Amino acid sequence: MFRFEQLEIWRLAVEYAKECYAIANKFPKHESYSLADQLRRAAISVSNNIAEGSVGSSANFKKYLNTAVGSVLETVNILNFSLEVEYIHQEVKGDMYEKAEKLIRKIRSFSRSLND
């Protein structure tokens, strides 16, 4: 088992990405290769950065964790826009917003726990 596979933040990021994928799959067909694809790429980027950063120094890992947080925020922005153009409902956006906040808190907490 790789180090990142043991991390709660990685497992949460994978679950978050799965939910983003499910939402993107419900977007209109004409968005398949634009907004939906961008949501998918941003969502999977969270766990990818956690995995990639897990090798090497703590300082380097922290940089990847910051990028992972940025990717979560990118998904939030896409979900906000998706609400504006009526691809999702407020309930979906609110639920994903809460999950994004939780994921960001956990990533930042884990990052603070790393020694430089």
N, C-alpha and C. Protein backbone atom coordinates (compact mmCIF):
# COMPACT_ATOMS: atom_id res chain seq x y z
N MET A 1 0.84 -1.18 0.00
CA MET A 1 0.00 0.00 0.00
C MET A 1 0.89 1.24 0.00
N PHE A 2 0.54 2.20 -0.82
CA PHE A 2 1.28 3.46 -0.87
C PHE A 2 0.85 4.36 0.29
N ARG A 3 1.74 5.24 0.68
CA ARG A 3 1.50 6.12 1.83
C ARG A 3 0.18 6.89 1.69
N PHE A 4 -0.07 7.45 0.52
CA PHE A 4 -1.25 8.28 0.35
C PHE A 4 -2.55 7.50 0.51
N GLU A 5 -2.52 6.21 0.23
CA GLU A 5 -3.73 5.39 0.33
C GLU A 5 -4.19 5.22 1.78
N GLN A 6 -3.30 5.52 2.71
CA GLN A 6 -3.63 5.41 4.13
C GLN A 6 -4.18 6.72 4.69
N LEU A 7 -4.17 7.77 3.89
CA LEU A 7 -4.56 9.09 4.37
C LEU A 7 -6.06 9.32 4.24
N GLU A 8 -6.66 9.77 5.33
CA GLU A 8 -8.09 10.10 5.30
C GLU A 8 -8.38 11.18 4.26
N ILE A 9 -7.49 12.17 4.14
CA ILE A 9 -7.74 13.25 3.18
C ILE A 9 -7.78 12.73 1.75
N TRP A 10 -6.98 11.72 1.46
CA TRP A 10 -6.99 11.15 0.11
C TRP A 10 -8.33 10.43 -0.13
N ARG A 11 -8.77 9.65 0.85
CA ARG A 11 -10.05 8.94 0.70
C ARG A 11 -11.21 9.91 0.56
N LEU A 12 -11.21 10.99 1.35
CA LEU A 12 -12.25 12.01 1.23
C LEU A 12 -12.20 12.68 -0.14
N ALA A 13 -11.00 12.93 -0.63
CA ALA A 13 -10.85 13.56 -1.95
C ALA A 13 -11.39 12.67 -3.06
N VAL A 14 -11.17 11.37 -2.95
CA VAL A 14 -11.69 10.43 -3.94
C VAL A 14 -13.22 10.44 -3.90
N GLU A 15 -13.79 10.42 -2.71
CA GLU A 15 -15.26 10.45 -2.58
C GLU A 15 -15.82 11.76 -3.14
N TYR A 16 -15.15 12.86 -2.85
CA TYR A 16 -15.58 14.16 -3.37
C TYR A 16 -15.54 14.16 -4.90
N ALA A 17 -14.49 13.62 -5.46
CA ALA A 17 -14.37 13.55 -6.92
C ALA A 17 -15.48 12.69 -7.52
N LYS A 18 -15.80 11.58 -6.88
CA LYS A 18 -16.87 10.73 -7.38
C LYS A 18 -18.19 11.48 -7.44
N GLU A 19 -18.44 12.30 -6.42
CA GLU A 19 -19.67 13.08 -6.42
C GLU A 19 -19.64 14.17 -7.50
N CYS A 20 -18.50 14.78 -7.69
CA CYS A 20 -18.38 15.77 -8.77
C CYS A 20 -18.59 15.13 -10.14
N TYR A 21 -18.05 13.93 -10.31
CA TYR A 21 -18.26 13.20 -11.57
C TYR A 21 -19.74 12.93 -11.79
N ALA A 22 -20.44 12.52 -10.75
CA ALA A 22 -21.87 12.23 -10.88
C ALA A 22 -22.64 13.49 -11.27
N ILE A 23 -22.27 14.62 -10.68
CA ILE A 23 -22.91 15.89 -11.03
C ILE A 23 -22.60 16.26 -12.48
N ALA A 24 -21.34 16.16 -12.86
CA ALA A 24 -20.94 16.51 -14.23
C ALA A 24 -21.66 15.65 -15.26
N ASN A 25 -21.90 14.40 -14.91
CA ASN A 25 -22.59 13.50 -15.84
C ASN A 25 -24.03 13.91 -16.11
N LYS A 26 -24.58 14.77 -15.26
CA LYS A 26 -25.96 15.24 -15.43
C LYS A 26 -26.04 16.58 -16.16
N PHE A 27 -24.89 17.16 -16.47
CA PHE A 27 -24.89 18.42 -17.22
C PHE A 27 -25.44 18.18 -18.63
N PRO A 28 -25.90 19.24 -19.28
CA PRO A 28 -26.37 19.07 -20.66
C PRO A 28 -25.28 18.48 -21.56
N LYS A 29 -25.70 17.75 -22.54
CA LYS A 29 -24.77 17.06 -23.44
C LYS A 29 -23.74 18.02 -24.05
N HIS A 30 -24.18 19.23 -24.41
CA HIS A 30 -23.25 20.17 -25.05
C HIS A 30 -22.14 20.64 -24.11
N GLU A 31 -22.24 20.33 -22.83
CA GLU A 31 -21.20 20.69 -21.86
C GLU A 31 -20.23 19.55 -21.58
N SER A 32 -20.41 18.43 -22.25
CA SER A 32 -19.58 17.24 -21.98
C SER A 32 -18.09 17.50 -22.07
N TYR A 33 -17.70 18.32 -23.03
CA TYR A 33 -16.26 18.54 -23.24
C TYR A 33 -15.81 19.93 -22.81
N SER A 34 -16.63 20.61 -22.03
CA SER A 34 -16.22 21.92 -21.54
C SER A 34 -16.41 21.99 -20.02
N LEU A 35 -17.50 22.53 -19.56
CA LEU A 35 -17.67 22.72 -18.12
C LEU A 35 -17.67 21.40 -17.35
N ALA A 36 -18.34 20.40 -17.87
CA ALA A 36 -18.37 19.09 -17.19
C ALA A 36 -16.96 18.50 -17.11
N ASP A 37 -16.24 18.60 -18.20
CA ASP A 37 -14.86 18.08 -18.22
C ASP A 37 -13.98 18.86 -17.25
N GLN A 38 -14.17 20.16 -17.19
CA GLN A 38 -13.37 20.98 -16.28
C GLN A 38 -13.67 20.61 -14.82
N LEU A 39 -14.94 20.36 -14.51
CA LEU A 39 -15.29 19.94 -13.15
C LEU A 39 -14.63 18.61 -12.82
N ARG A 40 -14.68 17.67 -13.75
CA ARG A 40 -14.05 16.36 -13.51
C ARG A 40 -12.54 16.50 -13.28
N ARG A 41 -11.88 17.28 -14.14
CA ARG A 41 -10.42 17.44 -14.02
C ARG A 41 -10.03 18.11 -12.71
N ALA A 42 -10.78 19.13 -12.31
CA ALA A 42 -10.47 19.81 -11.04
C ALA A 42 -10.70 18.87 -9.87
N ALA A 43 -11.77 18.09 -9.94
CA ALA A 43 -12.10 17.18 -8.83
C ALA A 43 -11.05 16.09 -8.66
N ILE A 44 -10.62 15.48 -9.74
CA ILE A 44 -9.63 14.39 -9.63
C ILE A 44 -8.25 14.96 -9.29
N SER A 45 -8.04 16.22 -9.59
CA SER A 45 -6.76 16.86 -9.28
C SER A 45 -6.51 16.90 -7.77
N VAL A 46 -7.56 16.94 -6.97
CA VAL A 46 -7.39 17.00 -5.51
C VAL A 46 -6.65 15.76 -5.02
N SER A 47 -7.20 14.58 -5.31
CA SER A 47 -6.55 13.34 -4.85
C SER A 47 -5.23 13.10 -5.58
N ASN A 48 -5.13 13.53 -6.84
CA ASN A 48 -3.86 13.38 -7.56
C ASN A 48 -2.74 14.15 -6.87
N ASN A 49 -3.03 15.37 -6.44
CA ASN A 49 -2.00 16.18 -5.78
C ASN A 49 -1.63 15.61 -4.42
N ILE A 50 -2.60 15.07 -3.71
CA ILE A 50 -2.30 14.43 -2.43
C ILE A 50 -1.38 13.22 -2.67
N ALA A 51 -1.71 12.43 -3.66
CA ALA A 51 -0.90 11.24 -3.97
C ALA A 51 0.51 11.64 -4.42
N GLU A 52 0.58 12.58 -5.34
CA GLU A 52 1.89 12.97 -5.88
C GLU A 52 2.77 13.62 -4.83
N GLY A 53 2.17 14.41 -3.96
CA GLY A 53 2.95 15.09 -2.93
C GLY A 53 3.39 14.21 -1.79
N SER A 54 2.79 13.03 -1.69
CA SER A 54 3.09 12.17 -0.54
C SER A 54 4.49 11.57 -0.57
N VAL A 55 5.18 11.69 -1.68
CA VAL A 55 6.58 11.26 -1.72
C VAL A 55 7.46 12.49 -1.61
N GLY A 56 8.55 12.39 -0.93
CA GLY A 56 9.44 13.52 -0.79
C GLY A 56 9.31 14.19 0.56
N SER A 57 9.81 15.41 0.63
CA SER A 57 9.88 16.14 1.89
C SER A 57 8.52 16.68 2.32
N SER A 58 8.43 17.00 3.59
CA SER A 58 7.21 17.60 4.13
C SER A 58 6.94 18.95 3.48
N ALA A 59 7.99 19.72 3.28
CA ALA A 59 7.82 21.05 2.66
C ALA A 59 7.25 20.90 1.26
N ASN A 60 7.74 19.92 0.51
CA ASN A 60 7.23 19.69 -0.84
C ASN A 60 5.78 19.20 -0.78
N PHE A 61 5.49 18.32 0.17
CA PHE A 61 4.13 17.79 0.33
C PHE A 61 3.16 18.94 0.61
N LYS A 62 3.58 19.91 1.43
CA LYS A 62 2.73 21.05 1.75
C LYS A 62 2.37 21.84 0.49
N LYS A 63 3.32 21.97 -0.43
CA LYS A 63 3.03 22.67 -1.69
C LYS A 63 1.95 21.93 -2.47
N TYR A 64 2.05 20.62 -2.53
CA TYR A 64 1.03 19.83 -3.23
C TYR A 64 -0.32 19.92 -2.53
N LEU A 65 -0.30 19.96 -1.21
CA LEU A 65 -1.54 20.08 -0.46
C LEU A 65 -2.20 21.44 -0.72
N ASN A 66 -1.40 22.49 -0.84
CA ASN A 66 -1.94 23.80 -1.20
C ASN A 66 -2.57 23.77 -2.59
N THR A 67 -1.94 23.07 -3.50
CA THR A 67 -2.51 22.93 -4.84
C THR A 67 -3.81 22.14 -4.79
N ALA A 68 -3.86 21.12 -3.93
CA ALA A 68 -5.08 20.34 -3.77
C ALA A 68 -6.22 21.23 -3.27
N VAL A 69 -5.93 22.10 -2.31
CA VAL A 69 -6.94 23.04 -1.82
C VAL A 69 -7.41 23.94 -2.95
N GLY A 70 -6.47 24.41 -3.76
CA GLY A 70 -6.83 25.23 -4.92
C GLY A 70 -7.77 24.50 -5.87
N SER A 71 -7.54 23.22 -6.04
CA SER A 71 -8.42 22.42 -6.92
C SER A 71 -9.81 22.27 -6.33
N VAL A 72 -9.89 22.12 -5.00
CA VAL A 72 -11.21 22.07 -4.37
C VAL A 72 -11.94 23.38 -4.62
N LEU A 73 -11.23 24.50 -4.44
CA LEU A 73 -11.85 25.80 -4.67
C LEU A 73 -12.27 25.98 -6.13
N GLU A 74 -11.50 25.40 -7.04
CA GLU A 74 -11.89 25.44 -8.45
C GLU A 74 -13.22 24.72 -8.66
N THR A 75 -13.40 23.57 -8.01
CA THR A 75 -14.67 22.85 -8.15
C THR A 75 -15.82 23.68 -7.58
N VAL A 76 -15.57 24.37 -6.47
CA VAL A 76 -16.60 25.21 -5.86
C VAL A 76 -17.00 26.31 -6.84
N ASN A 77 -16.03 26.93 -7.47
CA ASN A 77 -16.33 27.97 -8.44
C ASN A 77 -17.15 27.43 -9.61
N ILE A 78 -16.78 26.26 -10.10
CA ILE A 78 -17.53 25.65 -11.21
C ILE A 78 -18.95 25.31 -10.76
N LEU A 79 -19.10 24.82 -9.56
CA LEU A 79 -20.44 24.51 -9.04
C LEU A 79 -21.27 25.77 -8.87
N ASN A 80 -20.64 26.85 -8.41
CA ASN A 80 -21.34 28.14 -8.31
C ASN A 80 -21.83 28.60 -9.68
N PHE A 81 -20.96 28.51 -10.67
CA PHE A 81 -21.36 28.89 -12.02
C PHE A 81 -22.45 27.97 -12.55
N SER A 82 -22.33 26.69 -12.25
CA SER A 82 -23.33 25.71 -12.68
C SER A 82 -24.70 26.04 -12.11
N LEU A 83 -24.72 26.53 -10.89
CA LEU A 83 -25.98 26.98 -10.30
C LEU A 83 -26.51 28.19 -11.04
N GLU A 84 -25.63 29.13 -11.36
CA GLU A 84 -26.03 30.35 -12.08
C GLU A 84 -26.67 30.04 -13.44
N VAL A 85 -26.15 29.03 -14.12
CA VAL A 85 -26.70 28.69 -15.44
C VAL A 85 -27.73 27.57 -15.36
N GLU A 86 -28.13 27.25 -14.13
CA GLU A 86 -29.20 26.31 -13.84
C GLU A 86 -28.93 24.87 -14.30
N TYR A 87 -27.65 24.45 -14.16
CA TYR A 87 -27.30 23.05 -14.42
C TYR A 87 -27.47 22.21 -13.16
N ILE A 88 -27.42 22.87 -12.00
CA ILE A 88 -27.63 22.19 -10.72
C ILE A 88 -28.59 23.03 -9.88
N HIS A 89 -29.14 22.42 -8.85
CA HIS A 89 -30.04 23.10 -7.92
C HIS A 89 -29.25 23.58 -6.71
N GLN A 90 -29.82 24.51 -5.99
CA GLN A 90 -29.20 25.07 -4.80
C GLN A 90 -28.85 24.00 -3.77
N GLU A 91 -29.69 22.97 -3.65
CA GLU A 91 -29.43 21.91 -2.67
C GLU A 91 -28.14 21.17 -3.00
N VAL A 92 -27.92 20.91 -4.28
CA VAL A 92 -26.69 20.22 -4.71
C VAL A 92 -25.49 21.10 -4.42
N LYS A 93 -25.60 22.35 -4.79
CA LYS A 93 -24.49 23.28 -4.55
C LYS A 93 -24.20 23.38 -3.06
N GLY A 94 -25.24 23.50 -2.23
CA GLY A 94 -25.05 23.62 -0.79
C GLY A 94 -24.39 22.39 -0.19
N ASP A 95 -24.84 21.22 -0.62
CA ASP A 95 -24.26 19.97 -0.14
C ASP A 95 -22.78 19.87 -0.51
N MET A 96 -22.48 20.18 -1.76
CA MET A 96 -21.09 20.09 -2.21
C MET A 96 -20.22 21.17 -1.56
N TYR A 97 -20.80 22.33 -1.30
CA TYR A 97 -20.09 23.40 -0.62
C TYR A 97 -19.65 22.93 0.77
N GLU A 98 -20.56 22.30 1.51
CA GLU A 98 -20.23 21.78 2.84
C GLU A 98 -19.12 20.73 2.76
N LYS A 99 -19.22 19.84 1.78
CA LYS A 99 -18.19 18.81 1.62
C LYS A 99 -16.85 19.41 1.25
N ALA A 100 -16.88 20.45 0.42
CA ALA A 100 -15.64 21.14 0.05
C ALA A 100 -15.01 21.81 1.26
N GLU A 101 -15.82 22.49 2.08
CA GLU A 101 -15.29 23.12 3.29
C GLU A 101 -14.65 22.10 4.22
N LYS A 102 -15.31 20.97 4.41
CA LYS A 102 -14.77 19.91 5.27
C LYS A 102 -13.45 19.38 4.72
N LEU A 103 -13.41 19.13 3.42
CA LEU A 103 -12.19 18.61 2.80
C LEU A 103 -11.05 19.61 2.93
N ILE A 104 -11.32 20.88 2.69
CA ILE A 104 -10.29 21.91 2.83
C ILE A 104 -9.79 21.99 4.27
N ARG A 105 -10.70 21.96 5.24
CA ARG A 105 -10.28 21.99 6.65
C ARG A 105 -9.36 20.82 6.97
N LYS A 106 -9.73 19.64 6.51
CA LYS A 106 -8.93 18.44 6.81
C LYS A 106 -7.57 18.49 6.12
N ILE A 107 -7.54 18.96 4.87
CA ILE A 107 -6.26 19.07 4.17
C ILE A 107 -5.36 20.07 4.88
N ARG A 108 -5.90 21.21 5.25
CA ARG A 108 -5.10 22.24 5.93
C ARG A 108 -4.62 21.75 7.30
N SER A 109 -5.47 21.05 8.01
CA SER A 109 -5.08 20.50 9.31
C SER A 109 -3.95 19.49 9.15
N PHE A 110 -4.08 18.62 8.15
CA PHE A 110 -3.04 17.64 7.90
C PHE A 110 -1.73 18.36 7.52
N SER A 111 -1.83 19.37 6.69
CA SER A 111 -0.65 20.12 6.26
C SER A 111 0.07 20.74 7.46
N ARG A 112 -0.69 21.30 8.39
CA ARG A 112 -0.09 21.89 9.59
C ARG A 112 0.61 20.84 10.45
N SER A 113 0.15 19.60 10.37
CA SER A 113 0.73 18.55 11.20
C SER A 113 2.07 18.04 10.66
N LEU A 114 2.39 18.39 9.43
CA LEU A 114 3.65 17.92 8.83
C LEU A 114 4.82 18.74 9.35
N ASN A 115 5.91 18.08 9.62
CA ASN A 115 7.13 18.76 10.05
C ASN A 115 7.92 19.19 8.84
N ASP A 116 8.49 20.38 8.91
CA ASP A 116 9.33 20.88 7.79
C ASP A 116 10.70 20.27 7.79
